[in-house]
Amino acid sequence: MSDDDTTVRGGLRARTRLAVQAEIVATAMRLFLEHGFEATTMEQIANEIGISRRSLFRYFGTKEDIVLGDHAESGRSLRAFLEARPTEELPWDALRAALQALLDALPYTSEDFLRITTMLHASPSLRGRQLEKRQQWVDLLVPDVTRRLGDPADPMTESRARALVSCALACSDVALETWVRSEGTVDMVQVFDEAVAAVRG
């Protein structure tokens, strides 16, 4: 077998795996929204797709991983949106614009996003894993904000950047929680801006 054949087969396997993962996520999310996260089992998800429970665990180890599996990818997207902002833009403004771009890029309707987010906030296990993964976002965003703050020789610059990013993401969480509690009636962006103003004030 030639190197080209090996490359083609490897690429096909990767695409097949991604396709199966996407089907698992879509099916699981439908079941979660129909029956509730806690009430839906991995066995039900596997049966709905038509694969064994063992095969399902090769793709996702837990139900939480199915829901939050794209969280890391969202973090990388957020970093890309941040790095695309003008270099002279202030950190708060750049982070706000990047978070807005991430929100605009979500592949959900507003109604579906509200249902998914409500489910996240209603499940302690999901909420805990989400907060754990959110720390990865901080690590991804700190380098760009550190550059925006200038004076990289100062060892405290990175600490200030980490505090700033953590505050921005906390304000984002507050805005999202307020939006969920209002059942989608409040302006999430306005809540974020007011939360940032409170922190900066």
C-alpha atoms as a PDB file:
ATOM      1  CA  MET A   1       0.000   0.000   0.000  1.00  0.00           C
ATOM      2  CA  SER A   2       1.363   3.403  -0.948  1.00  0.00           C
ATOM      3  CA  ASP A   3       1.740   6.356   1.394  1.00  0.00           C
ATOM      4  CA  ASP A   4      -1.036   8.087  -0.554  1.00  0.00           C
ATOM      5  CA  ASP A   5      -3.401   5.166   0.078  1.00  0.00           C
ATOM      6  CA  THR A   6      -2.567   5.242   3.773  1.00  0.00           C
ATOM      7  CA  THR A   7      -3.225   8.981   3.925  1.00  0.00           C
ATOM      8  CA  VAL A   8      -6.568   8.609   2.141  1.00  0.00           C
ATOM      9  CA  ARG A   9      -7.682   5.812   4.460  1.00  0.00           C
ATOM     10  CA  GLY A  10      -6.600   7.762   7.521  1.00  0.00           C
ATOM     11  CA  GLY A  11      -8.516  10.803   6.329  1.00  0.00           C
ATOM     12  CA  LEU A  12     -11.603   8.711   5.617  1.00  0.00           C
ATOM     13  CA  ARG A  13     -11.515   7.155   9.088  1.00  0.00           C
ATOM     14  CA  ALA A  14     -11.228  10.611  10.646  1.00  0.00           C
ATOM     15  CA  ARG A  15     -14.172  11.933   8.632  1.00  0.00           C
ATOM     16  CA  THR A  16     -16.223   8.847   9.481  1.00  0.00           C
ATOM     17  CA  ARG A  17     -15.477   9.283  13.186  1.00  0.00           C
ATOM     18  CA  LEU A  18     -16.476  12.951  13.048  1.00  0.00           C
ATOM     19  CA  ALA A  19     -19.712  12.049  11.263  1.00  0.00           C
ATOM     20  CA  VAL A  20     -20.584   9.454  13.918  1.00  0.00           C
ATOM     21  CA  GLN A  21     -19.753  11.907  16.697  1.00  0.00           C
ATOM     22  CA  ALA A  22     -22.013  14.517  15.115  1.00  0.00           C
ATOM     23  CA  GLU A  23     -24.862  11.979  14.872  1.00  0.00           C
ATOM     24  CA  ILE A  24     -24.394  10.983  18.509  1.00  0.00           C
ATOM     25  CA  VAL A  25     -24.478  14.604  19.669  1.00  0.00           C
ATOM     26  CA  ALA A  26     -27.555  15.454  17.580  1.00  0.00           C
ATOM     27  CA  THR A  27     -29.446  12.370  18.754  1.00  0.00           C
ATOM     28  CA  ALA A  28     -28.447  12.783  22.395  1.00  0.00           C
ATOM     29  CA  MET A  29     -29.395  16.464  22.462  1.00  0.00           C
ATOM     30  CA  ARG A  30     -32.824  15.621  21.047  1.00  0.00           C
ATOM     31  CA  LEU A  31     -33.341  12.980  23.733  1.00  0.00           C
ATOM     32  CA  PHE A  32     -32.064  15.276  26.476  1.00  0.00           C
ATOM     33  CA  LEU A  33     -34.456  18.023  25.431  1.00  0.00           C
ATOM     34  CA  GLU A  34     -37.387  15.616  25.068  1.00  0.00           C
ATOM     35  CA  HIS A  35     -36.901  13.584  28.251  1.00  0.00           C
ATOM     36  CA  GLY A  36     -34.476  15.578  30.384  1.00  0.00           C
ATOM     37  CA  PHE A  37     -30.750  15.163  30.862  1.00  0.00           C
ATOM     38  CA  GLU A  38     -30.891  13.140  34.069  1.00  0.00           C
ATOM     39  CA  ALA A  39     -33.628  10.813  32.770  1.00  0.00           C
ATOM     40  CA  THR A  40     -31.816   9.946  29.541  1.00  0.00           C
ATOM     41  CA  THR A  41     -29.311   7.079  29.723  1.00  0.00           C
ATOM     42  CA  MET A  42     -26.317   6.239  27.573  1.00  0.00           C
ATOM     43  CA  GLU A  43     -28.065   2.984  26.671  1.00  0.00           C
ATOM     44  CA  GLN A  44     -31.075   4.902  25.329  1.00  0.00           C
ATOM     45  CA  ILE A  45     -28.782   7.064  23.212  1.00  0.00           C
ATOM     46  CA  ALA A  46     -26.969   4.031  21.826  1.00  0.00           C
ATOM     47  CA  ASN A  47     -30.236   2.248  21.023  1.00  0.00           C
ATOM     48  CA  GLU A  48     -31.632   5.309  19.277  1.00  0.00           C
ATOM     49  CA  ILE A  49     -28.574   5.537  17.038  1.00  0.00           C
ATOM     50  CA  GLY A  50     -28.345   1.805  16.473  1.00  0.00           C
ATOM     51  CA  ILE A  51     -24.939   1.129  17.995  1.00  0.00           C
ATOM     52  CA  SER A  52     -23.846  -0.795  21.056  1.00  0.00           C
ATOM     53  CA  ARG A  53     -23.354   0.903  24.405  1.00  0.00           C
ATOM     54  CA  ARG A  54     -19.719  -0.150  24.257  1.00  0.00           C
ATOM     55  CA  SER A  55     -19.297   1.547  20.876  1.00  0.00           C
ATOM     56  CA  LEU A  56     -20.871   4.717  22.249  1.00  0.00           C
ATOM     57  CA  PHE A  57     -18.320   4.824  25.055  1.00  0.00           C
ATOM     58  CA  ARG A  58     -15.534   4.781  22.457  1.00  0.00           C
ATOM     59  CA  TYR A  59     -16.725   8.219  21.393  1.00  0.00           C
ATOM     60  CA  PHE A  60     -17.951   9.726  24.660  1.00  0.00           C
ATOM     61  CA  GLY A  61     -17.200   8.551  28.171  1.00  0.00           C
ATOM     62  CA  THR A  62     -20.133  10.314  29.843  1.00  0.00           C
ATOM     63  CA  LYS A  63     -23.350  12.140  29.024  1.00  0.00           C
ATOM     64  CA  GLU A  64     -21.670  15.342  30.162  1.00  0.00           C
ATOM     65  CA  ASP A  65     -18.993  14.847  27.508  1.00  0.00           C
ATOM     66  CA  ILE A  66     -21.683  14.637  24.825  1.00  0.00           C
ATOM     67  CA  VAL A  67     -23.208  17.970  25.828  1.00  0.00           C
ATOM     68  CA  LEU A  68     -19.932  19.766  26.490  1.00  0.00           C
ATOM     69  CA  GLY A  69     -17.770  18.023  23.933  1.00  0.00           C
ATOM     70  CA  ASP A  70     -17.673  21.078  21.677  1.00  0.00           C
ATOM     71  CA  HIS A  71     -16.855  23.417  24.564  1.00  0.00           C
ATOM     72  CA  ALA A  72     -13.130  23.201  23.855  1.00  0.00           C
ATOM     73  CA  GLU A  73     -13.770  23.937  20.182  1.00  0.00           C
ATOM     74  CA  SER A  74     -15.879  26.942  21.183  1.00  0.00           C
ATOM     75  CA  GLY A  75     -12.949  28.140  23.268  1.00  0.00           C
ATOM     76  CA  ARG A  76     -10.644  27.909  20.262  1.00  0.00           C
ATOM     77  CA  SER A  77     -13.205  29.799  18.177  1.00  0.00           C
ATOM     78  CA  LEU A  78     -13.398  32.484  20.846  1.00  0.00           C
ATOM     79  CA  ARG A  79      -9.613  32.808  20.828  1.00  0.00           C
ATOM     80  CA  ALA A  80      -9.657  33.182  17.032  1.00  0.00           C
ATOM     81  CA  PHE A  81     -12.342  35.879  17.246  1.00  0.00           C
ATOM     82  CA  LEU A  82     -10.283  37.702  19.887  1.00  0.00           C
ATOM     83  CA  GLU A  83      -7.057  37.495  17.907  1.00  0.00           C
ATOM     84  CA  ALA A  84      -8.891  38.860  14.850  1.00  0.00           C
ATOM     85  CA  ARG A  85      -9.761  42.087  16.673  1.00  0.00           C
ATOM     86  CA  PRO A  86      -7.626  45.189  15.949  1.00  0.00           C
ATOM     87  CA  THR A  87      -4.392  45.090  17.903  1.00  0.00           C
ATOM     88  CA  GLU A  88      -4.978  48.587  19.279  1.00  0.00           C
ATOM     89  CA  GLU A  89      -8.419  47.687  20.665  1.00  0.00           C
ATOM     90  CA  LEU A  90      -8.637  47.759  24.445  1.00  0.00           C
ATOM     91  CA  PRO A  91      -8.906  44.351  26.150  1.00  0.00           C
ATOM     92  CA  TRP A  92     -12.451  44.831  27.458  1.00  0.00           C
ATOM     93  CA  ASP A  93     -13.693  45.976  24.055  1.00  0.00           C
ATOM     94  CA  ALA A  94     -11.905  43.151  22.238  1.00  0.00           C
ATOM     95  CA  LEU A  95     -13.274  40.523  24.625  1.00  0.00           C
ATOM     96  CA  ARG A  96     -16.810  41.907  24.301  1.00  0.00           C
ATOM     97  CA  ALA A  97     -16.622  41.796  20.511  1.00  0.00           C
ATOM     98  CA  ALA A  98     -15.173  38.272  20.542  1.00  0.00           C
ATOM     99  CA  LEU A  99     -17.892  36.990  22.884  1.00  0.00           C
ATOM    100  CA  GLN A 100     -20.550  38.595  20.677  1.00  0.00           C
ATOM    101  CA  ALA A 101     -19.022  36.936  17.600  1.00  0.00           C
ATOM    102  CA  LEU A 102     -19.101  33.558  19.359  1.00  0.00           C
ATOM    103  CA  LEU A 103     -22.757  34.061  20.299  1.00  0.00           C
ATOM    104  CA  ASP A 104     -23.623  35.031  16.723  1.00  0.00           C
ATOM    105  CA  ALA A 105     -21.862  31.917  15.404  1.00  0.00           C
ATOM    106  CA  LEU A 106     -23.854  29.433  17.509  1.00  0.00           C
ATOM    107  CA  PRO A 107     -25.564  26.818  15.303  1.00  0.00           C
ATOM    108  CA  TYR A 108     -28.842  27.041  17.220  1.00  0.00           C
ATOM    109  CA  THR A 109     -32.049  29.010  17.059  1.00  0.00           C
ATOM    110  CA  SER A 110     -32.659  31.286  20.027  1.00  0.00           C
ATOM    111  CA  GLU A 111     -35.347  28.887  21.271  1.00  0.00           C
ATOM    112  CA  ASP A 112     -33.073  25.831  21.086  1.00  0.00           C
ATOM    113  CA  PHE A 113     -30.190  27.704  22.712  1.00  0.00           C
ATOM    114  CA  LEU A 114     -32.483  28.714  25.569  1.00  0.00           C
ATOM    115  CA  ARG A 115     -33.611  25.094  26.058  1.00  0.00           C
ATOM    116  CA  ILE A 116     -30.032  23.802  25.979  1.00  0.00           C
ATOM    117  CA  THR A 117     -28.766  26.479  28.361  1.00  0.00           C
ATOM    118  CA  THR A 118     -31.673  25.910  30.727  1.00  0.00           C
ATOM    119  CA  MET A 119     -30.782  22.214  30.759  1.00  0.00           C
ATOM    120  CA  LEU A 120     -27.161  23.053  31.543  1.00  0.00           C
ATOM    121  CA  HIS A 121     -28.117  25.223  34.487  1.00  0.00           C
ATOM    122  CA  ALA A 122     -30.607  22.675  35.826  1.00  0.00           C
ATOM    123  CA  SER A 123     -28.060  19.844  36.042  1.00  0.00           C
ATOM    124  CA  PRO A 124     -25.426  20.114  38.801  1.00  0.00           C
ATOM    125  CA  SER A 125     -23.147  17.626  37.045  1.00  0.00           C
ATOM    126  CA  LEU A 126     -23.336  19.527  33.763  1.00  0.00           C
ATOM    127  CA  ARG A 127     -22.831  22.864  35.492  1.00  0.00           C
ATOM    128  CA  GLY A 128     -19.773  21.585  37.321  1.00  0.00           C
ATOM    129  CA  ARG A 129     -18.170  20.197  34.180  1.00  0.00           C
ATOM    130  CA  GLN A 130     -18.964  23.380  32.289  1.00  0.00           C
ATOM    131  CA  LEU A 131     -17.184  25.517  34.871  1.00  0.00           C
ATOM    132  CA  GLU A 132     -14.234  23.131  34.768  1.00  0.00           C
ATOM    133  CA  LYS A 133     -13.965  23.408  30.993  1.00  0.00           C
ATOM    134  CA  ARG A 134     -14.462  27.178  31.123  1.00  0.00           C
ATOM    135  CA  GLN A 135     -11.075  27.445  32.848  1.00  0.00           C
ATOM    136  CA  GLN A 136      -9.571  26.198  29.597  1.00  0.00           C
ATOM    137  CA  TRP A 137     -11.038  29.277  27.916  1.00  0.00           C
ATOM    138  CA  VAL A 138      -9.139  31.504  30.329  1.00  0.00           C
ATOM    139  CA  ASP A 139      -5.869  29.812  29.388  1.00  0.00           C
ATOM    140  CA  LEU A 140      -6.641  30.259  25.679  1.00  0.00           C
ATOM    141  CA  LEU A 141      -7.461  33.966  25.936  1.00  0.00           C
ATOM    142  CA  VAL A 142      -4.792  35.165  28.356  1.00  0.00           C
ATOM    143  CA  PRO A 143      -1.908  35.393  25.814  1.00  0.00           C
ATOM    144  CA  ASP A 144      -3.762  37.827  23.541  1.00  0.00           C
ATOM    145  CA  VAL A 145      -4.963  39.994  26.414  1.00  0.00           C
ATOM    146  CA  THR A 146      -1.446  40.003  27.876  1.00  0.00           C
ATOM    147  CA  ARG A 147      -0.165  41.465  24.595  1.00  0.00           C
ATOM    148  CA  ARG A 148      -2.910  44.078  24.635  1.00  0.00           C
ATOM    149  CA  LEU A 149      -1.956  45.177  28.130  1.00  0.00           C
ATOM    150  CA  GLY A 150       1.635  45.772  27.031  1.00  0.00           C
ATOM    151  CA  ASP A 151       4.807  45.655  29.115  1.00  0.00           C
ATOM    152  CA  PRO A 152       5.372  41.892  28.747  1.00  0.00           C
ATOM    153  CA  ALA A 153       8.551  42.207  30.824  1.00  0.00           C
ATOM    154  CA  ASP A 154       6.438  42.952  33.894  1.00  0.00           C
ATOM    155  CA  PRO A 155       5.619  39.574  35.511  1.00  0.00           C
ATOM    156  CA  MET A 156       2.356  41.027  36.791  1.00  0.00           C
ATOM    157  CA  THR A 157       1.033  41.707  33.277  1.00  0.00           C
ATOM    158  CA  GLU A 158      -0.055  38.118  32.764  1.00  0.00           C
ATOM    159  CA  SER A 159      -1.692  38.089  36.185  1.00  0.00           C
ATOM    160  CA  ARG A 160      -3.669  41.201  35.283  1.00  0.00           C
ATOM    161  CA  ALA A 161      -4.639  39.614  31.971  1.00  0.00           C
ATOM    162  CA  ARG A 162      -5.826  36.448  33.727  1.00  0.00           C
ATOM    163  CA  ALA A 163      -7.913  38.476  36.170  1.00  0.00           C
ATOM    164  CA  LEU A 164      -9.416  40.504  33.332  1.00  0.00           C
ATOM    165  CA  VAL A 165     -10.318  37.462  31.233  1.00  0.00           C
ATOM    166  CA  SER A 166     -11.782  35.670  34.255  1.00  0.00           C
ATOM    167  CA  CYS A 167     -13.947  38.706  35.038  1.00  0.00           C
ATOM    168  CA  ALA A 168     -15.149  38.992  31.442  1.00  0.00           C
ATOM    169  CA  LEU A 169     -16.156  35.328  31.347  1.00  0.00           C
ATOM    170  CA  ALA A 170     -17.823  35.656  34.761  1.00  0.00           C
ATOM    171  CA  CYS A 171     -19.841  38.605  33.426  1.00  0.00           C
ATOM    172  CA  SER A 172     -20.764  36.460  30.437  1.00  0.00           C
ATOM    173  CA  ASP A 173     -21.985  33.716  32.777  1.00  0.00           C
ATOM    174  CA  VAL A 174     -24.041  36.247  34.742  1.00  0.00           C
ATOM    175  CA  ALA A 175     -25.638  37.517  31.539  1.00  0.00           C
ATOM    176  CA  LEU A 176     -26.443  33.966  30.425  1.00  0.00           C
ATOM    177  CA  GLU A 177     -27.912  32.994  33.798  1.00  0.00           C
ATOM    178  CA  THR A 178     -30.038  36.151  33.883  1.00  0.00           C
ATOM    179  CA  TRP A 179     -31.261  35.423  30.358  1.00  0.00           C
ATOM    180  CA  VAL A 180     -32.203  31.857  31.338  1.00  0.00           C
ATOM    181  CA  ARG A 181     -34.031  32.984  34.494  1.00  0.00           C
ATOM    182  CA  SER A 182     -36.006  35.490  32.433  1.00  0.00           C
ATOM    183  CA  GLU A 183     -36.871  32.702  29.957  1.00  0.00           C
ATOM    184  CA  GLY A 184     -35.126  34.601  27.216  1.00  0.00           C
ATOM    185  CA  THR A 185     -36.905  37.919  27.669  1.00  0.00           C
ATOM    186  CA  VAL A 186     -34.018  40.125  28.811  1.00  0.00           C
ATOM    187  CA  ASP A 187     -31.318  41.517  26.535  1.00  0.00           C
ATOM    188  CA  MET A 188     -28.302  39.302  27.259  1.00  0.00           C
ATOM    189  CA  VAL A 189     -25.830  41.819  25.814  1.00  0.00           C
ATOM    190  CA  GLN A 190     -27.221  44.632  27.959  1.00  0.00           C
ATOM    191  CA  VAL A 191     -26.898  42.490  31.071  1.00  0.00           C
ATOM    192  CA  PHE A 192     -23.302  41.710  30.128  1.00  0.00           C
ATOM    193  CA  ASP A 193     -22.499  45.405  29.656  1.00  0.00           C
ATOM    194  CA  GLU A 194     -24.057  46.295  33.003  1.00  0.00           C
ATOM    195  CA  ALA A 195     -22.160  43.503  34.735  1.00  0.00           C
ATOM    196  CA  VAL A 196     -18.884  44.718  33.207  1.00  0.00           C
ATOM    197  CA  ALA A 197     -19.695  48.294  34.260  1.00  0.00           C
ATOM    198  CA  ALA A 198     -20.283  47.098  37.834  1.00  0.00           C
ATOM    199  CA  VAL A 199     -16.925  45.265  37.875  1.00  0.00           C
ATOM    200  CA  ARG A 200     -15.021  48.165  36.344  1.00  0.00           C
ATOM    201  CA  GLY A 201     -16.754  50.742  38.518  1.00  0.00           C
END
